[in-house]
N, C-alpha and C. Protein backbone atom coordinates (compact mmCIF):
# COMPACT_ATOMS: atom_id res chain seq x y z
N MET A 1 138.98 87.84 124.74
CA MET A 1 140.41 87.73 124.89
C MET A 1 140.94 89.09 125.30
N ASN A 2 141.84 89.12 126.20
CA ASN A 2 142.40 90.36 126.70
C ASN A 2 143.27 91.02 125.64
N GLN A 3 143.17 92.33 125.53
CA GLN A 3 143.91 93.07 124.53
C GLN A 3 145.26 93.56 125.03
N LEU A 4 145.62 93.27 126.26
CA LEU A 4 146.91 93.71 126.80
C LEU A 4 148.03 92.95 126.12
N SER A 5 149.17 93.57 126.02
CA SER A 5 150.32 92.88 125.45
C SER A 5 150.84 91.85 126.44
N GLN A 6 151.57 90.89 125.92
CA GLN A 6 152.13 89.84 126.77
C GLN A 6 152.95 90.43 127.90
N SER A 7 153.75 91.45 127.62
CA SER A 7 154.65 91.97 128.63
C SER A 7 153.94 92.74 129.73
N SER A 8 152.78 93.34 129.43
CA SER A 8 152.09 94.13 130.45
C SER A 8 151.05 93.31 131.21
N ARG A 9 150.75 92.12 130.76
CA ARG A 9 149.67 91.34 131.34
C ARG A 9 149.91 91.04 132.81
N SER A 10 151.09 90.62 133.17
CA SER A 10 151.36 90.23 134.56
C SER A 10 151.15 91.38 135.53
N SER A 11 151.67 92.54 135.19
CA SER A 11 151.54 93.66 136.11
C SER A 11 150.10 94.16 136.18
N GLU A 12 149.34 94.04 135.09
CA GLU A 12 147.97 94.51 135.07
C GLU A 12 147.03 93.61 135.87
N ARG A 13 147.27 92.31 135.90
CA ARG A 13 146.34 91.39 136.54
C ARG A 13 146.92 90.76 137.79
N SER A 14 147.96 91.33 138.32
CA SER A 14 148.72 90.78 139.42
C SER A 14 147.90 90.07 140.51
N PRO A 15 146.89 90.71 141.10
CA PRO A 15 146.17 90.02 142.18
C PRO A 15 145.15 89.00 141.66
N GLN A 16 144.95 88.94 140.37
CA GLN A 16 143.96 88.06 139.81
C GLN A 16 144.48 86.64 139.61
N THR A 17 143.54 85.70 139.60
CA THR A 17 143.84 84.33 139.21
C THR A 17 143.66 84.25 137.70
N GLY A 18 144.69 83.85 137.00
CA GLY A 18 144.64 83.76 135.55
C GLY A 18 144.27 82.36 135.10
N VAL A 19 143.34 82.27 134.15
CA VAL A 19 142.89 81.00 133.59
C VAL A 19 143.04 81.06 132.07
N LEU A 20 143.81 80.14 131.52
CA LEU A 20 144.03 80.06 130.08
C LEU A 20 143.53 78.72 129.57
N PHE A 21 142.65 78.76 128.56
CA PHE A 21 142.14 77.55 127.91
C PHE A 21 142.89 77.35 126.60
N VAL A 22 143.29 76.11 126.33
CA VAL A 22 144.13 75.85 125.16
C VAL A 22 143.61 74.66 124.36
N CYS A 23 143.47 74.89 123.04
CA CYS A 23 143.19 73.81 122.10
C CYS A 23 144.20 73.92 120.96
N LEU A 24 143.92 73.31 119.84
CA LEU A 24 144.88 73.28 118.75
C LEU A 24 145.00 74.61 118.01
N GLY A 25 143.91 75.11 117.46
CA GLY A 25 143.97 76.31 116.64
C GLY A 25 143.40 77.56 117.27
N ASN A 26 142.77 77.44 118.42
CA ASN A 26 142.14 78.56 119.13
C ASN A 26 141.00 79.18 118.32
N ILE A 27 140.25 78.30 117.60
CA ILE A 27 139.08 78.80 116.88
C ILE A 27 137.80 78.03 117.20
N CYS A 28 137.89 76.93 117.92
CA CYS A 28 136.67 76.16 118.26
C CYS A 28 136.53 76.00 119.77
N ARG A 29 137.26 75.05 120.33
CA ARG A 29 137.06 74.69 121.73
C ARG A 29 137.55 75.73 122.72
N SER A 30 138.78 76.21 122.58
CA SER A 30 139.29 77.13 123.61
C SER A 30 138.60 78.48 123.62
N PRO A 31 138.23 79.08 122.47
CA PRO A 31 137.47 80.33 122.59
C PRO A 31 136.07 80.10 123.16
N THR A 32 135.50 78.93 122.88
CA THR A 32 134.21 78.59 123.48
C THR A 32 134.36 78.51 124.99
N ALA A 33 135.43 77.85 125.44
CA ALA A 33 135.68 77.75 126.88
C ALA A 33 135.91 79.13 127.49
N GLU A 34 136.67 79.97 126.80
CA GLU A 34 136.91 81.33 127.30
C GLU A 34 135.59 82.08 127.44
N GLY A 35 134.74 82.01 126.42
CA GLY A 35 133.48 82.73 126.45
C GLY A 35 132.55 82.25 127.54
N ILE A 36 132.45 80.93 127.70
CA ILE A 36 131.58 80.37 128.74
C ILE A 36 132.11 80.70 130.12
N PHE A 37 133.42 80.53 130.32
CA PHE A 37 133.98 80.80 131.64
C PHE A 37 133.91 82.28 131.98
N GLN A 38 134.18 83.15 131.00
CA GLN A 38 134.08 84.59 131.24
C GLN A 38 132.65 84.97 131.60
N HIS A 39 131.68 84.34 130.97
CA HIS A 39 130.26 84.58 131.30
C HIS A 39 130.00 84.25 132.77
N LEU A 40 130.51 83.11 133.23
CA LEU A 40 130.33 82.73 134.64
C LEU A 40 131.04 83.70 135.57
N VAL A 41 132.24 84.11 135.20
CA VAL A 41 132.98 85.09 136.01
C VAL A 41 132.17 86.38 136.12
N ASN A 42 131.58 86.80 135.00
CA ASN A 42 130.76 88.03 135.01
C ASN A 42 129.54 87.87 135.90
N ILE A 43 128.84 86.76 135.77
CA ILE A 43 127.63 86.53 136.57
C ILE A 43 127.94 86.56 138.06
N HIS A 44 129.07 85.97 138.43
CA HIS A 44 129.45 85.91 139.84
C HIS A 44 130.22 87.15 140.29
N GLN A 45 130.32 88.13 139.41
CA GLN A 45 131.00 89.40 139.70
C GLN A 45 132.42 89.18 140.23
N LEU A 46 133.16 88.34 139.52
CA LEU A 46 134.53 88.02 139.92
C LEU A 46 135.58 88.57 138.96
N ASN A 47 135.21 89.57 138.18
CA ASN A 47 136.14 90.15 137.19
C ASN A 47 137.40 90.71 137.84
N GLU A 48 137.29 91.18 139.06
CA GLU A 48 138.46 91.72 139.75
C GLU A 48 139.36 90.61 140.27
N SER A 49 138.84 89.40 140.32
CA SER A 49 139.58 88.28 140.90
C SER A 49 140.07 87.26 139.89
N ILE A 50 139.40 87.17 138.73
CA ILE A 50 139.73 86.13 137.75
C ILE A 50 139.90 86.74 136.37
N PHE A 51 141.01 86.42 135.74
CA PHE A 51 141.33 86.85 134.38
C PHE A 51 141.26 85.63 133.47
N VAL A 52 140.59 85.75 132.31
CA VAL A 52 140.35 84.61 131.42
C VAL A 52 140.90 84.91 130.02
N ASP A 53 141.49 83.90 129.39
CA ASP A 53 142.01 84.02 128.03
C ASP A 53 142.00 82.64 127.38
N SER A 54 142.33 82.60 126.10
CA SER A 54 142.46 81.33 125.39
C SER A 54 143.57 81.45 124.36
N ALA A 55 144.08 80.29 123.95
CA ALA A 55 145.16 80.25 122.96
C ALA A 55 145.16 78.88 122.30
N GLY A 56 145.94 78.77 121.23
CA GLY A 56 146.10 77.50 120.55
C GLY A 56 147.55 77.09 120.53
N THR A 57 147.81 75.80 120.43
CA THR A 57 149.19 75.35 120.32
C THR A 57 149.71 75.53 118.90
N GLY A 58 148.81 75.62 117.92
CA GLY A 58 149.19 75.85 116.53
C GLY A 58 149.13 77.33 116.19
N SER A 59 149.80 77.71 115.11
CA SER A 59 149.91 79.12 114.75
C SER A 59 149.10 79.53 113.52
N TRP A 60 148.48 78.60 112.83
CA TRP A 60 147.89 78.91 111.52
C TRP A 60 146.64 79.77 111.56
N HIS A 61 146.01 79.99 112.71
CA HIS A 61 144.79 80.80 112.78
C HIS A 61 144.99 82.12 113.53
N ILE A 62 146.23 82.49 113.83
CA ILE A 62 146.49 83.72 114.59
C ILE A 62 145.75 84.91 113.98
N GLY A 63 145.04 85.63 114.86
CA GLY A 63 144.32 86.83 114.44
C GLY A 63 142.93 86.58 113.90
N ARG A 64 142.56 85.34 113.70
CA ARG A 64 141.24 85.03 113.16
C ARG A 64 140.19 84.91 114.27
N PRO A 65 138.93 85.17 113.92
CA PRO A 65 137.85 84.98 114.89
C PRO A 65 137.54 83.49 115.05
N PRO A 66 136.78 83.14 116.05
CA PRO A 66 136.37 81.74 116.20
C PRO A 66 135.62 81.24 114.96
N ASP A 67 135.69 79.95 114.75
CA ASP A 67 134.96 79.29 113.66
C ASP A 67 133.50 79.74 113.70
N ALA A 68 132.90 79.98 112.54
CA ALA A 68 131.52 80.46 112.47
C ALA A 68 130.56 79.51 113.17
N ARG A 69 130.82 78.21 113.09
CA ARG A 69 129.95 77.24 113.76
C ARG A 69 130.05 77.35 115.27
N SER A 70 131.25 77.57 115.77
CA SER A 70 131.43 77.78 117.21
C SER A 70 130.71 79.04 117.66
N GLN A 71 130.85 80.10 116.87
CA GLN A 71 130.17 81.34 117.22
C GLN A 71 128.66 81.16 117.25
N ARG A 72 128.12 80.49 116.24
CA ARG A 72 126.67 80.30 116.13
C ARG A 72 126.12 79.49 117.31
N VAL A 73 126.76 78.36 117.61
CA VAL A 73 126.28 77.51 118.70
C VAL A 73 126.44 78.22 120.04
N ALA A 74 127.56 78.88 120.24
CA ALA A 74 127.76 79.63 121.49
C ALA A 74 126.69 80.70 121.65
N LEU A 75 126.41 81.44 120.58
CA LEU A 75 125.42 82.51 120.65
C LEU A 75 124.02 81.95 120.93
N GLN A 76 123.72 80.79 120.37
CA GLN A 76 122.43 80.14 120.66
C GLN A 76 122.28 79.85 122.15
N ARG A 77 123.40 79.68 122.84
CA ARG A 77 123.39 79.39 124.28
C ARG A 77 123.61 80.63 125.13
N GLY A 78 123.74 81.79 124.48
CA GLY A 78 123.88 83.04 125.22
C GLY A 78 125.31 83.53 125.42
N TYR A 79 126.26 82.96 124.67
CA TYR A 79 127.66 83.35 124.79
C TYR A 79 128.13 83.98 123.48
N ASP A 80 128.47 85.25 123.51
CA ASP A 80 128.97 85.93 122.32
C ASP A 80 130.50 85.86 122.33
N ILE A 81 131.05 85.08 121.41
CA ILE A 81 132.50 84.94 121.33
C ILE A 81 133.06 85.57 120.05
N SER A 82 132.23 86.34 119.35
CA SER A 82 132.62 86.90 118.05
C SER A 82 133.79 87.88 118.14
N HIS A 83 133.99 88.50 119.29
CA HIS A 83 135.06 89.49 119.47
C HIS A 83 136.43 88.85 119.72
N LEU A 84 136.47 87.56 119.99
CA LEU A 84 137.73 86.89 120.31
C LEU A 84 138.57 86.70 119.05
N ARG A 85 139.88 86.67 119.22
CA ARG A 85 140.80 86.44 118.11
C ARG A 85 141.84 85.42 118.54
N ALA A 86 142.16 84.54 117.63
CA ALA A 86 143.09 83.45 117.93
C ALA A 86 144.52 83.97 118.15
N ARG A 87 145.18 83.32 119.07
CA ARG A 87 146.60 83.57 119.30
C ARG A 87 147.25 82.23 119.64
N GLN A 88 148.55 82.21 119.55
CA GLN A 88 149.30 80.99 119.88
C GLN A 88 149.81 81.10 121.31
N VAL A 89 149.75 79.99 122.01
CA VAL A 89 150.27 79.94 123.37
C VAL A 89 151.79 80.16 123.32
N SER A 90 152.33 80.72 124.39
CA SER A 90 153.77 80.94 124.45
C SER A 90 154.29 80.54 125.82
N ALA A 91 155.58 80.38 125.92
CA ALA A 91 156.19 80.04 127.21
C ALA A 91 155.89 81.13 128.25
N GLY A 92 155.74 82.37 127.81
CA GLY A 92 155.42 83.47 128.72
C GLY A 92 154.07 83.32 129.40
N ASP A 93 153.18 82.55 128.79
CA ASP A 93 151.87 82.34 129.42
C ASP A 93 152.00 81.63 130.76
N PHE A 94 153.06 80.88 130.93
CA PHE A 94 153.26 80.18 132.21
C PHE A 94 153.60 81.15 133.34
N ASP A 95 154.03 82.36 132.98
CA ASP A 95 154.27 83.40 133.99
C ASP A 95 152.99 84.16 134.32
N ASP A 96 152.03 84.12 133.40
CA ASP A 96 150.83 84.93 133.53
C ASP A 96 149.58 84.21 134.01
N PHE A 97 149.57 82.89 133.93
CA PHE A 97 148.35 82.15 134.23
C PHE A 97 148.56 81.11 135.31
N ASP A 98 147.64 81.09 136.26
CA ASP A 98 147.68 80.13 137.36
C ASP A 98 147.11 78.78 136.96
N TYR A 99 146.18 78.80 136.02
CA TYR A 99 145.56 77.59 135.47
C TYR A 99 145.72 77.62 133.96
N ILE A 100 146.39 76.62 133.44
CA ILE A 100 146.49 76.44 131.99
C ILE A 100 145.84 75.10 131.70
N LEU A 101 144.69 75.17 131.02
CA LEU A 101 143.85 73.99 130.86
C LEU A 101 143.69 73.63 129.39
N ALA A 102 144.19 72.47 129.04
CA ALA A 102 144.06 71.96 127.67
C ALA A 102 142.70 71.29 127.52
N LEU A 103 142.22 71.26 126.30
CA LEU A 103 140.94 70.63 126.03
C LEU A 103 141.10 69.17 125.64
N ASP A 104 142.33 68.75 125.33
CA ASP A 104 142.57 67.34 125.03
C ASP A 104 144.02 66.98 125.38
N ALA A 105 144.28 65.68 125.39
CA ALA A 105 145.58 65.17 125.82
C ALA A 105 146.72 65.57 124.88
N ALA A 106 146.46 65.63 123.58
CA ALA A 106 147.51 66.00 122.63
C ALA A 106 147.99 67.43 122.89
N ASN A 107 147.06 68.35 123.13
CA ASN A 107 147.46 69.72 123.43
C ASN A 107 148.10 69.84 124.80
N LEU A 108 147.67 69.03 125.74
CA LEU A 108 148.33 69.01 127.04
C LEU A 108 149.77 68.56 126.89
N ALA A 109 150.00 67.55 126.08
CA ALA A 109 151.38 67.08 125.84
C ALA A 109 152.23 68.18 125.21
N ASN A 110 151.65 68.95 124.29
CA ASN A 110 152.38 70.06 123.68
C ASN A 110 152.70 71.14 124.71
N LEU A 111 151.78 71.39 125.61
CA LEU A 111 152.01 72.37 126.67
C LEU A 111 153.10 71.90 127.64
N GLU A 112 153.09 70.62 127.95
CA GLU A 112 154.11 70.08 128.85
C GLU A 112 155.51 70.23 128.27
N LYS A 113 155.63 70.22 126.95
CA LYS A 113 156.93 70.39 126.30
C LYS A 113 157.49 71.79 126.47
N ILE A 114 156.61 72.79 126.60
CA ILE A 114 157.10 74.17 126.74
C ILE A 114 156.98 74.69 128.17
N ARG A 115 156.50 73.87 129.05
CA ARG A 115 156.33 74.27 130.46
C ARG A 115 157.69 74.53 131.11
N PRO A 116 157.88 75.75 131.64
CA PRO A 116 159.13 76.03 132.35
C PRO A 116 159.18 75.24 133.67
N GLN A 117 160.36 74.90 134.09
CA GLN A 117 160.50 74.13 135.33
C GLN A 117 159.96 74.87 136.53
N HIS A 118 160.01 76.20 136.51
CA HIS A 118 159.56 77.00 137.66
C HIS A 118 158.04 77.13 137.75
N TYR A 119 157.31 76.66 136.76
CA TYR A 119 155.85 76.85 136.78
C TYR A 119 155.23 76.10 137.95
N ALA A 120 154.53 76.84 138.81
CA ALA A 120 153.93 76.25 140.00
C ALA A 120 152.41 76.22 139.93
N GLY A 121 151.86 76.63 138.79
CA GLY A 121 150.41 76.64 138.63
C GLY A 121 149.86 75.28 138.26
N HIS A 122 148.61 75.27 137.88
CA HIS A 122 147.92 74.03 137.50
C HIS A 122 147.93 73.88 135.99
N LEU A 123 148.62 72.87 135.50
CA LEU A 123 148.62 72.52 134.09
C LEU A 123 147.91 71.18 133.97
N GLY A 124 146.80 71.15 133.25
CA GLY A 124 146.06 69.90 133.12
C GLY A 124 144.94 70.03 132.11
N LEU A 125 144.02 69.09 132.19
CA LEU A 125 142.84 69.08 131.32
C LEU A 125 141.68 69.78 132.00
N LEU A 126 140.76 70.29 131.20
CA LEU A 126 139.58 70.97 131.75
C LEU A 126 138.55 70.00 132.33
N LEU A 127 138.27 68.92 131.63
CA LEU A 127 137.15 68.08 132.03
C LEU A 127 137.26 67.41 133.40
N PRO A 128 138.43 67.21 133.97
CA PRO A 128 138.44 66.69 135.34
C PRO A 128 137.73 67.59 136.36
N PHE A 129 137.43 68.82 136.00
CA PHE A 129 136.66 69.68 136.89
C PHE A 129 135.16 69.34 136.84
N ALA A 130 134.81 68.37 136.01
CA ALA A 130 133.44 67.84 135.96
C ALA A 130 133.53 66.31 135.93
N PRO A 131 133.98 65.71 137.04
CA PRO A 131 134.22 64.26 137.05
C PRO A 131 132.99 63.42 136.75
N HIS A 132 131.81 63.96 137.00
CA HIS A 132 130.59 63.22 136.73
C HIS A 132 130.39 62.96 135.23
N LEU A 133 131.09 63.70 134.37
CA LEU A 133 130.97 63.49 132.93
C LEU A 133 131.66 62.21 132.47
N ARG A 134 132.61 61.73 133.26
CA ARG A 134 133.36 60.51 132.95
C ARG A 134 134.04 60.57 131.58
N ARG A 135 134.54 61.76 131.26
CA ARG A 135 135.31 61.99 130.04
C ARG A 135 136.55 62.77 130.43
N ARG A 136 137.61 62.55 129.67
CA ARG A 136 138.85 63.30 129.92
C ARG A 136 139.02 64.47 128.96
N GLU A 137 138.49 64.32 127.76
CA GLU A 137 138.77 65.29 126.71
C GLU A 137 137.50 65.87 126.08
N VAL A 138 137.62 67.11 125.63
CA VAL A 138 136.59 67.73 124.82
C VAL A 138 136.97 67.43 123.37
N PRO A 139 136.13 66.68 122.64
CA PRO A 139 136.49 66.32 121.27
C PRO A 139 136.53 67.53 120.34
N ASP A 140 137.43 67.49 119.37
CA ASP A 140 137.56 68.57 118.40
C ASP A 140 136.39 68.49 117.42
N PRO A 141 135.54 69.54 117.35
CA PRO A 141 134.37 69.48 116.48
C PRO A 141 134.65 69.93 115.05
N TYR A 142 135.86 70.37 114.76
CA TYR A 142 136.16 71.06 113.50
C TYR A 142 135.68 70.31 112.26
N GLY A 143 135.90 69.02 112.20
CA GLY A 143 135.49 68.24 111.04
C GLY A 143 134.08 67.68 111.15
N GLY A 144 133.37 68.07 112.18
CA GLY A 144 132.05 67.51 112.43
C GLY A 144 130.91 68.41 112.00
N ASP A 145 129.75 68.13 112.58
CA ASP A 145 128.55 68.89 112.26
C ASP A 145 128.04 69.63 113.50
N GLU A 146 126.86 70.18 113.38
CA GLU A 146 126.26 71.01 114.45
C GLU A 146 126.24 70.29 115.80
N LYS A 147 125.88 69.02 115.81
CA LYS A 147 125.79 68.30 117.08
C LYS A 147 127.15 68.17 117.76
N ASP A 148 128.21 68.14 116.98
CA ASP A 148 129.55 68.09 117.58
C ASP A 148 129.88 69.40 118.29
N PHE A 149 129.46 70.51 117.71
CA PHE A 149 129.68 71.81 118.35
C PHE A 149 128.78 71.97 119.57
N GLN A 150 127.58 71.41 119.52
CA GLN A 150 126.67 71.44 120.67
C GLN A 150 127.29 70.65 121.84
N LEU A 151 127.87 69.50 121.52
CA LEU A 151 128.51 68.68 122.56
C LEU A 151 129.64 69.44 123.23
N VAL A 152 130.43 70.16 122.45
CA VAL A 152 131.53 70.95 123.00
C VAL A 152 130.99 71.93 124.04
N VAL A 153 129.92 72.63 123.71
CA VAL A 153 129.35 73.60 124.65
C VAL A 153 128.82 72.88 125.90
N ASP A 154 128.14 71.76 125.69
CA ASP A 154 127.61 71.01 126.84
C ASP A 154 128.72 70.62 127.81
N LEU A 155 129.80 70.05 127.28
CA LEU A 155 130.90 69.59 128.13
C LEU A 155 131.59 70.76 128.82
N ILE A 156 131.84 71.81 128.08
CA ILE A 156 132.54 72.96 128.65
C ILE A 156 131.70 73.64 129.72
N GLN A 157 130.40 73.76 129.50
CA GLN A 157 129.54 74.38 130.52
C GLN A 157 129.66 73.65 131.85
N GLU A 158 129.60 72.34 131.81
CA GLU A 158 129.70 71.55 133.04
C GLU A 158 131.05 71.74 133.72
N ALA A 159 132.12 71.64 132.94
CA ALA A 159 133.46 71.75 133.52
C ALA A 159 133.75 73.17 134.00
N ALA A 160 133.24 74.17 133.28
CA ALA A 160 133.47 75.56 133.68
C ALA A 160 132.85 75.85 135.04
N GLU A 161 131.69 75.30 135.30
CA GLU A 161 131.07 75.49 136.61
C GLU A 161 131.91 74.84 137.71
N GLY A 162 132.41 73.64 137.44
CA GLY A 162 133.27 72.97 138.42
C GLY A 162 134.57 73.73 138.65
N LEU A 163 135.14 74.24 137.58
CA LEU A 163 136.37 75.03 137.69
C LEU A 163 136.12 76.30 138.50
N LEU A 164 135.04 76.99 138.22
CA LEU A 164 134.75 78.22 138.96
C LEU A 164 134.56 77.92 140.45
N ASN A 165 133.84 76.87 140.77
CA ASN A 165 133.68 76.49 142.18
C ASN A 165 135.01 76.19 142.83
N HIS A 166 135.89 75.50 142.11
CA HIS A 166 137.23 75.19 142.61
C HIS A 166 138.00 76.48 142.90
N ILE A 167 138.01 77.39 141.94
CA ILE A 167 138.76 78.65 142.11
C ILE A 167 138.15 79.50 143.22
N LYS A 168 136.82 79.57 143.29
CA LYS A 168 136.18 80.35 144.36
C LYS A 168 136.57 79.84 145.72
N GLY A 169 136.77 78.53 145.83
CA GLY A 169 137.19 77.95 147.10
C GLY A 169 138.62 78.34 147.48
N ARG A 170 139.38 78.83 146.53
CA ARG A 170 140.77 79.24 146.78
C ARG A 170 140.96 80.75 146.88
N LEU A 171 139.91 81.51 146.54
CA LEU A 171 140.03 82.99 146.56
C LEU A 171 139.99 83.50 148.00
């Protein structure tokens, strides 16, 4: 997660394409998506072109690291997300991010409620970037077990690759 303040983010990343992943608490799905997508951005050496972050629609986990289960499963797959800290999405994010991608329909609906009329970016779900999965949503693993967290990584990996290819085609 970027350590810049909300007010300085736009000027710092101006030429970059901003991608924000959003789930409910920003401790399971969205930090996993941030970590996986940032890994792809790094591999493709697109750090100068793409800025990645994550947030939650809820406020109860602000400042906390990702869920230990999310961290463990992500690390097993080569993604270290331990440095990330939860934050709540804000209306200002619509000024800073070109893609705001919810992990499920409920969070997308919450984002649509705060979306400014002037927002011209892409507000939608992540999984449509992997249409072959034939799923719309990444299920919330919080109340589940290890296999639920594994599924989250599987789904996000597929969609993250599709999203990166989409963005590369626009750079």
